[in-house]
Amino acid sequence: MRQSKLFTKTRKEAPADEISKNAQLLIRGGFINKEMAGVYSYLPLGLKVFKKIENIIREEMNAIGGQEIVLSSLQEKETWEPTDQWNDENIDVWFKTKLKNETELGLAVTHEAAITKMLKNFLQSYRDLPQYVYQFQTKFRNEIRAKSGIMRCREFVMKDLYSFDIDEKAHLEFYEKSKKAYKTIFERVGIGHLTYLTFASGGMFSPFSHEFQTLTSAGEDTIYVDESKGIAINKEVNNDEVLAKLGVKKEDLVEHRAVEVGNIFTLGTRFSDALDLKYQTEEGEKKSVFMGSYGIGPGRVMGTVVEVLSDDKGIIWPEAIAPFRVHLLSLGEDEAIIAEANKVYETLVKNKVEVLFDDRIGMSAGEKFADADLLGMPLRAVVSQRSIKELGIELKKRTEEKGQVVSLDELLKMLETKA
């Protein structure tokens, strides 16, 4: 991509009403556009990051047996009445609307009831189990406050997986697989070292659910971490009984602010009982399907990465999710510099290296360096009078203060080694 042709431009300032660091940096860099409080559009650079996070999640869900679907956002109230979730006293974040014939509908806040209802068409026997289905789907939640940028939105994409098993034993086997898959996801996107599996309230079907909490001062949650054991506990369940059950001492816990980037729940038979999703056992008995729910928001993960992996100059993207691996800068308007920069760009493209080429005319070196730091690609490659004189390209990692001059062949070998 030539930066002169990029759909967006960088900005020196974010909107005055935007207080979250992730949204400020993403808006200034042209990754997202704020439409209204809690609602953001993804622009070309931001969508590339989003899709890379989505694909990492997809690969890990497929690896544990998930099958991808997409359910509708429009939901009938009859789907949610059996579980009493249409009632605003129980779920107070519905966006509700009506068809022209006055039929009441809702924009889905989640999909447990909807997927349970649908499975009745395809699941009759124990031979049809287990089933693990997931989607990347837009959710709508009428949040009272939306002040955390893309970490808390009124319209957002959620990866939600639902598991359907014959009993609790089979469910727990998959539940453990999902824990490992989630850990792998957060390691791959670059925040595994800051993310803890956290014990939280499990509701009526399980003593605990599990959240994946990333340490950040911008987080809305308080967790307590036993760093030696790698155990974290949400504030809501931090009591003597829970500590005893987990074998943790109160004096070993350190308080942190954190943001929830994923969660896994045991649902039991709540939804299958309410919506009559049963299967026939080998002996001919009818039993309710045992269920679980597993969520990650790719946008929330993206916002969290920006919160915890940025500095005073801008974003620092991990290589796995960066929009481009290399940000190539052409400094100066001398014909020799322009020709050499174009040669480097075309060579990188030919070798299938993801590269953003700052070929803009009339920009100072300082402006280009500032934009490169703001946008946060892992590597910055510069073609200038100095680099031409030294017969190479000035190469610097985003996290380094100083770089080195390398030849084009050396650059290609370095990129090939890291691929």
Protein backbone atom coordinates (compact mmCIF):
# COMPACT_ATOMS: atom_id res chain seq x y z
CA MET A 1 0.00 0.00 0.00
CA ARG A 2 1.29 3.43 -0.98
CA GLN A 3 0.55 5.86 1.83
CA SER A 4 -0.25 8.58 -0.70
CA LYS A 5 -3.19 6.43 -1.81
CA LEU A 6 -4.32 5.32 1.65
CA PHE A 7 -7.98 6.05 2.33
CA THR A 8 -7.16 7.75 5.63
CA LYS A 9 -4.72 10.33 6.97
CA THR A 10 -3.18 10.72 10.40
CA ARG A 11 -4.42 13.41 12.78
CA LYS A 12 -2.54 15.44 15.38
CA GLU A 13 -5.48 15.44 17.78
CA ALA A 14 -8.25 13.00 18.68
CA PRO A 15 -11.85 14.22 19.27
CA ALA A 16 -12.04 16.33 22.41
CA ASP A 17 -14.68 14.06 23.96
CA GLU A 18 -12.58 10.89 23.55
CA ILE A 19 -10.90 10.08 26.87
CA SER A 20 -9.61 6.52 26.31
CA LYS A 21 -6.04 6.08 25.11
CA ASN A 22 -6.89 3.25 22.73
CA ALA A 23 -9.51 5.29 20.87
CA GLN A 24 -7.36 8.43 20.84
CA LEU A 25 -4.43 6.64 19.20
CA LEU A 26 -6.57 4.58 16.83
CA ILE A 27 -8.51 7.65 15.68
CA ARG A 28 -5.36 9.74 15.25
CA GLY A 29 -3.74 6.94 13.25
CA GLY A 30 -6.78 6.54 11.00
CA PHE A 31 -7.52 2.98 12.16
CA ILE A 32 -11.09 3.74 13.27
CA ASN A 33 -13.65 6.53 13.02
CA LYS A 34 -15.91 7.55 15.89
CA GLU A 35 -19.54 7.67 14.75
CA MET A 36 -21.04 8.37 18.18
CA ALA A 37 -20.36 7.41 21.80
CA GLY A 38 -19.70 3.66 21.89
CA VAL A 39 -19.92 3.20 18.10
CA TYR A 40 -16.87 3.07 15.84
CA SER A 41 -16.24 2.26 12.18
CA TYR A 42 -13.16 0.26 11.18
CA LEU A 43 -11.08 1.86 8.41
CA PRO A 44 -8.56 0.04 6.15
CA LEU A 45 -5.66 -0.05 8.63
CA GLY A 46 -7.91 -0.92 11.57
CA LEU A 47 -9.76 -3.58 9.63
CA LYS A 48 -6.48 -5.29 8.75
CA VAL A 49 -5.63 -5.53 12.46
CA PHE A 50 -9.15 -6.65 13.33
CA LYS A 51 -9.13 -9.40 10.68
CA LYS A 52 -5.76 -10.70 11.82
CA ILE A 53 -7.02 -10.99 15.40
CA GLU A 54 -10.20 -12.62 14.10
CA ASN A 55 -8.19 -15.15 12.07
CA ILE A 56 -6.03 -16.08 15.06
CA ILE A 57 -9.19 -16.72 17.10
CA ARG A 58 -10.70 -18.68 14.18
CA GLU A 59 -7.66 -20.91 13.86
CA GLU A 60 -7.69 -21.77 17.56
CA MET A 61 -11.45 -22.42 17.61
CA ASN A 62 -11.17 -24.69 14.58
CA ALA A 63 -8.27 -26.53 16.25
CA ILE A 64 -10.52 -27.63 19.15
CA GLY A 65 -13.35 -28.74 16.87
CA GLY A 66 -15.38 -25.57 16.39
CA GLN A 67 -17.50 -25.07 13.29
CA GLU A 68 -18.22 -21.52 12.14
CA ILE A 69 -21.72 -20.19 11.52
CA VAL A 70 -23.40 -16.78 11.52
CA LEU A 71 -26.71 -16.24 13.28
CA SER A 72 -29.05 -13.32 12.68
CA SER A 73 -28.86 -10.15 14.75
CA LEU A 74 -32.64 -9.65 14.64
CA GLN A 75 -34.20 -11.83 17.33
CA GLU A 76 -37.83 -12.71 18.07
CA LYS A 77 -38.95 -12.05 21.61
CA GLU A 78 -40.45 -15.59 21.67
CA THR A 79 -36.91 -16.98 21.48
CA TRP A 80 -35.90 -15.25 24.70
CA GLU A 81 -39.10 -15.43 26.73
CA PRO A 82 -38.63 -19.07 27.88
CA THR A 83 -35.43 -18.07 29.72
CA ASP A 84 -37.00 -14.82 30.96
CA GLN A 85 -34.26 -12.81 29.22
CA TRP A 86 -36.61 -10.65 27.19
CA ASN A 87 -37.61 -9.03 30.46
CA ASP A 88 -35.75 -5.71 30.79
CA GLU A 89 -35.42 -6.31 34.52
CA ASN A 90 -33.15 -9.27 33.76
CA ILE A 91 -31.33 -7.95 30.69
CA ASP A 92 -31.43 -4.16 30.69
CA VAL A 93 -29.28 -3.52 27.58
CA TRP A 94 -31.66 -4.62 24.81
CA PHE A 95 -32.17 -2.47 21.73
CA LYS A 96 -35.77 -3.29 20.83
CA THR A 97 -37.73 -2.37 17.72
CA LYS A 98 -40.91 -3.32 15.83
CA LEU A 99 -41.79 -4.46 12.36
CA LYS A 100 -44.44 -2.51 10.46
CA ASN A 101 -47.00 -5.10 11.59
CA GLU A 102 -46.10 -4.29 15.23
CA THR A 103 -44.18 -7.57 15.77
CA GLU A 104 -41.60 -6.85 18.47
CA LEU A 105 -37.96 -7.71 17.77
CA GLY A 106 -34.64 -7.20 19.51
CA LEU A 107 -31.09 -6.67 18.28
CA ALA A 108 -29.16 -9.56 19.80
CA VAL A 109 -27.12 -8.91 22.93
CA THR A 110 -25.96 -12.55 22.90
CA HIS A 111 -27.08 -15.80 21.22
CA GLU A 112 -27.43 -18.63 23.78
CA ALA A 113 -31.19 -18.94 23.37
CA ALA A 114 -31.07 -18.47 19.60
CA ILE A 115 -28.48 -21.21 19.00
CA THR A 116 -30.29 -23.57 21.39
CA LYS A 117 -33.55 -23.05 19.52
CA MET A 118 -31.84 -23.63 16.16
CA LEU A 119 -30.12 -26.84 17.30
CA LYS A 120 -33.52 -28.43 17.86
CA ASN A 121 -33.68 -28.82 14.06
CA PHE A 122 -30.46 -30.83 13.88
CA LEU A 123 -29.96 -32.65 17.16
CA GLN A 124 -32.00 -35.68 18.20
CA SER A 125 -29.69 -38.54 19.22
CA TYR A 126 -26.58 -39.00 21.35
CA ARG A 127 -24.90 -39.76 18.01
CA ASP A 128 -25.37 -36.08 17.07
CA LEU A 129 -23.22 -34.96 20.01
CA PRO A 130 -20.93 -33.25 20.76
CA GLN A 131 -21.39 -30.07 18.74
CA TYR A 132 -19.20 -26.97 19.00
CA VAL A 133 -20.34 -24.01 16.91
CA TYR A 134 -19.11 -20.43 16.91
CA GLN A 135 -19.57 -17.18 15.09
CA PHE A 136 -18.15 -13.70 14.63
CA GLN A 137 -21.28 -11.62 14.86
CA THR A 138 -22.35 -8.09 15.65
CA LYS A 139 -23.88 -7.62 19.09
CA PHE A 140 -25.86 -4.58 20.24
CA ARG A 141 -25.93 -3.49 23.87
CA ASN A 142 -27.62 -0.35 25.13
CA GLU A 143 -24.88 0.49 27.62
CA ILE A 144 -25.52 3.45 29.93
CA ARG A 145 -21.88 4.52 29.61
CA ALA A 146 -19.45 3.82 26.80
CA LYS A 147 -16.21 5.56 27.69
CA SER A 148 -13.50 2.95 27.10
CA GLY A 149 -13.07 3.32 23.35
CA ILE A 150 -13.35 0.04 21.45
CA MET A 151 -12.99 -1.91 24.71
CA ARG A 152 -16.67 -1.22 25.53
CA CYS A 153 -19.08 -0.45 22.71
CA ARG A 154 -22.79 -0.36 22.04
CA GLU A 155 -22.22 -2.12 18.72
CA PHE A 156 -19.37 -4.62 18.48
CA VAL A 157 -18.34 -7.97 17.03
CA MET A 158 -18.16 -10.93 19.39
CA LYS A 159 -16.74 -14.38 18.82
CA ASP A 160 -19.15 -16.56 20.74
CA LEU A 161 -18.79 -20.34 20.77
CA TYR A 162 -21.43 -22.64 22.21
CA SER A 163 -20.73 -26.23 23.26
CA PHE A 164 -23.33 -29.01 23.33
CA ASP A 165 -22.39 -32.22 25.16
CA ILE A 166 -24.10 -35.31 26.49
CA ASP A 167 -23.18 -34.58 30.12
CA GLU A 168 -21.07 -32.48 32.47
CA LYS A 169 -18.03 -34.80 32.21
CA ALA A 170 -17.85 -34.39 28.44
CA HIS A 171 -18.46 -30.66 28.81
CA LEU A 172 -15.59 -30.22 31.26
CA GLU A 173 -13.19 -31.99 28.89
CA PHE A 174 -13.99 -29.42 26.20
CA TYR A 175 -13.96 -26.61 28.77
CA GLU A 176 -10.32 -27.42 29.58
CA LYS A 177 -9.46 -27.43 25.87
CA SER A 178 -11.05 -24.01 25.51
CA LYS A 179 -8.96 -22.65 28.41
CA LYS A 180 -5.77 -23.69 26.63
CA ALA A 181 -7.02 -22.31 23.30
CA TYR A 182 -7.75 -18.94 24.89
CA LYS A 183 -4.31 -18.80 26.48
CA THR A 184 -2.78 -19.51 23.07
CA ILE A 185 -4.87 -16.75 21.46
CA PHE A 186 -3.69 -14.11 23.92
CA GLU A 187 -0.08 -15.23 23.56
CA ARG A 188 -0.34 -15.01 19.76
CA VAL A 189 -1.80 -11.49 19.78
CA GLY A 190 0.97 -10.27 22.08
CA ILE A 191 -0.69 -9.85 25.50
CA GLY A 192 -0.26 -13.32 26.98
CA HIS A 193 2.34 -12.09 29.49
CA LEU A 194 -0.19 -9.62 30.92
CA THR A 195 -3.30 -11.82 30.79
CA TYR A 196 -4.47 -14.02 33.67
CA LEU A 197 -7.00 -16.81 33.84
CA THR A 198 -9.26 -15.32 36.50
CA PHE A 199 -11.79 -17.02 38.75
CA ALA A 200 -15.16 -15.28 38.69
CA SER A 201 -18.75 -15.97 39.69
CA GLY A 202 -20.16 -19.06 38.00
CA GLY A 203 -23.84 -18.40 38.65
CA MET A 204 -26.22 -21.24 39.39
CA PHE A 205 -24.54 -24.05 37.42
CA SER A 206 -20.90 -23.91 38.39
CA PRO A 207 -18.86 -22.71 41.39
CA PHE A 208 -16.79 -20.58 38.98
CA SER A 209 -16.70 -19.16 35.53
CA HIS A 210 -13.38 -18.07 34.12
CA GLU A 211 -12.43 -14.70 32.75
CA PHE A 212 -9.25 -13.78 30.93
CA GLN A 213 -8.16 -10.46 32.41
CA THR A 214 -5.37 -8.28 31.02
CA LEU A 215 -3.59 -5.97 33.44
CA THR A 216 -4.08 -2.30 32.52
CA SER A 217 -4.83 0.87 34.43
CA ALA A 218 -7.61 1.48 31.89
CA GLY A 219 -9.46 -1.64 33.00
CA GLU A 220 -12.90 -1.55 34.60
CA ASP A 221 -12.33 -4.63 36.80
CA THR A 222 -10.34 -5.22 39.96
CA ILE A 223 -8.57 -8.55 40.26
CA TYR A 224 -6.26 -10.06 42.87
CA VAL A 225 -3.25 -11.99 41.62
CA ASP A 226 -1.09 -14.60 43.30
CA GLU A 227 1.91 -14.08 41.03
CA SER A 228 3.83 -17.13 42.26
CA LYS A 229 0.92 -19.47 41.46
CA GLY A 230 -0.36 -17.56 38.42
CA ILE A 231 -3.87 -17.49 39.93
CA ALA A 232 -6.14 -14.47 39.68
CA ILE A 233 -9.46 -13.84 41.42
CA ASN A 234 -12.10 -11.30 40.49
CA LYS A 235 -13.01 -8.87 43.25
CA GLU A 236 -16.62 -10.15 43.21
CA VAL A 237 -15.56 -13.60 44.50
CA ASN A 238 -12.57 -12.58 46.63
CA ASN A 239 -13.63 -14.03 49.97
CA ASP A 240 -12.27 -16.50 52.53
CA GLU A 241 -14.29 -19.43 51.21
CA VAL A 242 -13.02 -18.99 47.66
CA LEU A 243 -9.44 -18.43 48.78
CA ALA A 244 -9.55 -21.66 50.80
CA LYS A 245 -11.01 -23.58 47.86
CA LEU A 246 -8.24 -22.33 45.58
CA GLY A 247 -5.48 -22.81 48.12
CA VAL A 248 -4.50 -19.15 48.04
CA LYS A 249 -3.50 -16.91 50.95
CA LYS A 250 -4.86 -13.39 51.19
CA GLU A 251 -1.45 -11.92 51.99
CA ASP A 252 -0.04 -13.33 48.72
CA LEU A 253 -2.55 -11.46 46.55
CA VAL A 254 -1.68 -8.25 44.70
CA GLU A 255 -4.49 -5.92 43.59
CA HIS A 256 -4.56 -4.86 39.93
CA ARG A 257 -6.85 -3.05 37.53
CA ALA A 258 -7.65 -5.19 34.50
CA VAL A 259 -9.86 -5.48 31.43
CA GLU A 260 -11.77 -8.66 30.63
CA VAL A 261 -10.71 -9.81 27.14
CA GLY A 262 -12.47 -13.18 27.17
CA ASN A 263 -14.68 -15.43 29.25
CA ILE A 264 -15.88 -19.02 29.44
CA PHE A 265 -19.02 -20.23 31.22
CA THR A 266 -20.68 -23.49 32.12
CA LEU A 267 -24.35 -23.05 31.18
CA GLY A 268 -25.47 -26.52 32.24
CA THR A 269 -29.02 -27.30 31.12
CA ARG A 270 -30.58 -23.88 31.74
CA PHE A 271 -31.19 -23.14 28.07
CA SER A 272 -31.78 -26.71 26.91
CA ASP A 273 -34.39 -27.20 29.66
CA ALA A 274 -36.15 -23.93 28.88
CA LEU A 275 -36.18 -24.47 25.11
CA ASP A 276 -36.63 -28.26 25.26
CA LEU A 277 -33.36 -29.22 23.55
CA LYS A 278 -33.07 -32.91 24.38
CA TYR A 279 -31.32 -35.91 22.92
CA GLN A 280 -32.15 -39.61 23.04
CA THR A 281 -29.61 -41.77 24.89
CA GLU A 282 -28.46 -45.17 23.67
CA GLU A 283 -31.01 -46.67 26.06
CA GLY A 284 -33.83 -44.57 24.60
CA GLU A 285 -34.05 -42.08 27.47
CA LYS A 286 -34.56 -38.35 26.79
CA LYS A 287 -31.98 -36.06 28.38
CA SER A 288 -31.26 -32.34 28.27
CA VAL A 289 -28.12 -31.29 26.42
CA PHE A 290 -25.32 -29.92 28.63
CA MET A 291 -24.05 -26.55 27.38
CA GLY A 292 -21.22 -24.03 27.68
CA SER A 293 -20.53 -20.54 26.33
CA TYR A 294 -17.17 -19.00 25.33
CA GLY A 295 -16.70 -15.37 24.29
CA ILE A 296 -13.96 -13.09 22.94
CA GLY A 297 -14.40 -9.65 21.37
CA PRO A 298 -11.77 -9.06 18.64
CA GLY A 299 -12.28 -5.30 18.89
CA ARG A 300 -11.85 -5.36 22.66
CA VAL A 301 -8.65 -7.36 22.22
CA MET A 302 -7.45 -4.78 19.68
CA GLY A 303 -8.19 -1.91 22.04
CA THR A 304 -6.47 -3.70 24.91
CA VAL A 305 -3.33 -4.28 22.81
CA VAL A 306 -3.19 -0.53 22.14
CA GLU A 307 -3.70 0.31 25.83
CA VAL A 308 -0.88 -1.93 27.06
CA LEU A 309 1.57 -1.90 24.12
CA SER A 310 1.84 1.79 23.27
CA ASP A 311 4.21 4.55 24.31
CA ASP A 312 4.21 8.34 24.27
CA LYS A 313 4.87 8.30 20.51
CA GLY A 314 2.07 5.99 19.46
CA ILE A 315 1.06 2.36 18.96
CA ILE A 316 3.42 -0.64 19.06
CA TRP A 317 1.76 -3.48 17.12
CA PRO A 318 2.92 -7.06 17.72
CA GLU A 319 4.05 -8.51 14.40
CA ALA A 320 1.25 -11.12 14.32
CA ILE A 321 -1.49 -8.49 14.14
CA ALA A 322 0.25 -5.43 12.65
CA PRO A 323 -1.43 -4.02 9.52
CA PHE A 324 1.96 -4.20 7.75
CA ARG A 325 5.28 -5.77 8.80
CA VAL A 326 7.35 -2.94 7.32
CA HIS A 327 6.78 0.82 7.09
CA LEU A 328 9.02 2.04 4.25
CA LEU A 329 9.82 5.76 4.28
CA SER A 330 11.20 7.75 1.38
CA LEU A 331 12.98 10.87 2.71
CA GLY A 332 13.66 13.70 0.30
CA GLU A 333 12.52 14.48 -3.21
CA ASP A 334 15.77 13.80 -5.04
CA GLU A 335 15.14 11.58 -8.07
CA ALA A 336 17.73 9.03 -6.93
CA ILE A 337 16.01 8.66 -3.54
CA ILE A 338 12.56 8.28 -5.10
CA ALA A 339 13.85 5.71 -7.60
CA GLU A 340 15.63 3.68 -4.92
CA ALA A 341 12.61 3.78 -2.57
CA ASN A 342 10.34 2.57 -5.37
CA LYS A 343 12.79 -0.24 -6.15
CA VAL A 344 12.78 -1.35 -2.50
CA TYR A 345 8.99 -1.17 -2.34
CA GLU A 346 8.46 -3.20 -5.51
CA THR A 347 10.99 -5.80 -4.35
CA LEU A 348 9.24 -6.21 -1.00
CA VAL A 349 5.84 -6.53 -2.68
CA LYS A 350 7.25 -9.09 -5.15
CA ASN A 351 8.51 -11.10 -2.16
CA LYS A 352 5.06 -10.96 -0.55
CA VAL A 353 6.16 -8.74 2.35
CA GLU A 354 3.34 -6.65 3.81
CA VAL A 355 4.64 -3.11 3.39
CA LEU A 356 3.20 0.38 3.81
CA PHE A 357 5.20 2.78 1.61
CA ASP A 358 5.30 6.42 2.74
CA ASP A 359 5.80 7.90 -0.72
CA ARG A 360 4.12 11.21 0.17
CA ILE A 361 5.63 14.33 -1.38
CA GLY A 362 6.06 17.58 0.54
CA MET A 363 6.33 15.96 4.00
CA SER A 364 9.35 16.59 6.21
CA ALA A 365 11.42 13.75 7.65
CA GLY A 366 10.15 14.66 11.12
CA GLU A 367 6.52 14.41 10.02
CA LYS A 368 7.11 11.01 8.42
CA PHE A 369 8.96 9.69 11.47
CA ALA A 370 6.17 10.92 13.77
CA ASP A 371 3.53 9.22 11.63
CA ALA A 372 5.55 6.00 11.56
CA ASP A 373 5.76 5.98 15.36
CA LEU A 374 2.05 6.71 15.68
CA LEU A 375 1.04 3.93 13.26
CA GLY A 376 3.33 1.45 15.02
CA MET A 377 4.46 -1.07 12.38
CA PRO A 378 7.06 -3.51 13.75
CA LEU A 379 9.84 -2.39 11.37
CA ARG A 380 10.70 0.98 9.87
CA ALA A 381 12.85 1.00 6.71
CA VAL A 382 14.18 4.35 5.47
CA VAL A 383 15.59 5.28 2.08
CA SER A 384 17.46 8.60 2.27
CA GLN A 385 20.61 10.32 1.05
CA ARG A 386 22.46 8.76 3.97
CA SER A 387 21.23 5.22 3.25
CA ILE A 388 22.08 5.52 -0.44
CA LYS A 389 25.54 6.80 0.46
CA GLU A 390 26.01 3.76 2.72
CA LEU A 391 24.63 1.43 0.00
CA GLY A 392 21.71 0.20 2.06
CA ILE A 393 18.46 0.84 3.93
CA GLU A 394 18.16 2.23 7.45
CA LEU A 395 16.26 -0.40 9.42
CA LYS A 396 14.85 0.08 12.92
CA LYS A 397 12.40 -1.83 15.09
CA ARG A 398 9.52 0.22 16.50
CA THR A 399 10.75 -0.60 20.01
CA GLU A 400 14.35 0.48 19.35
CA GLU A 401 15.88 3.95 19.55
CA LYS A 402 18.54 3.27 16.95
CA GLY A 403 18.67 0.97 13.96
CA GLN A 404 21.24 -0.22 11.43
CA VAL A 405 21.96 0.07 7.73
CA VAL A 406 21.36 -3.19 5.85
CA SER A 407 21.35 -4.16 2.20
CA LEU A 408 18.11 -5.04 0.46
CA ASP A 409 19.19 -8.70 0.31
CA GLU A 410 19.90 -8.67 4.05
CA LEU A 411 16.49 -7.14 4.71
CA LEU A 412 14.77 -9.84 2.68
CA LYS A 413 16.66 -12.58 4.54
CA MET A 414 15.70 -11.05 7.90
CA LEU A 415 12.05 -10.90 6.91
CA GLU A 416 12.15 -14.45 5.56
CA THR A 417 13.69 -15.74 8.80
CA LYS A 418 10.93 -14.19 10.91
CA ALA A 419 8.08 -15.28 8.64
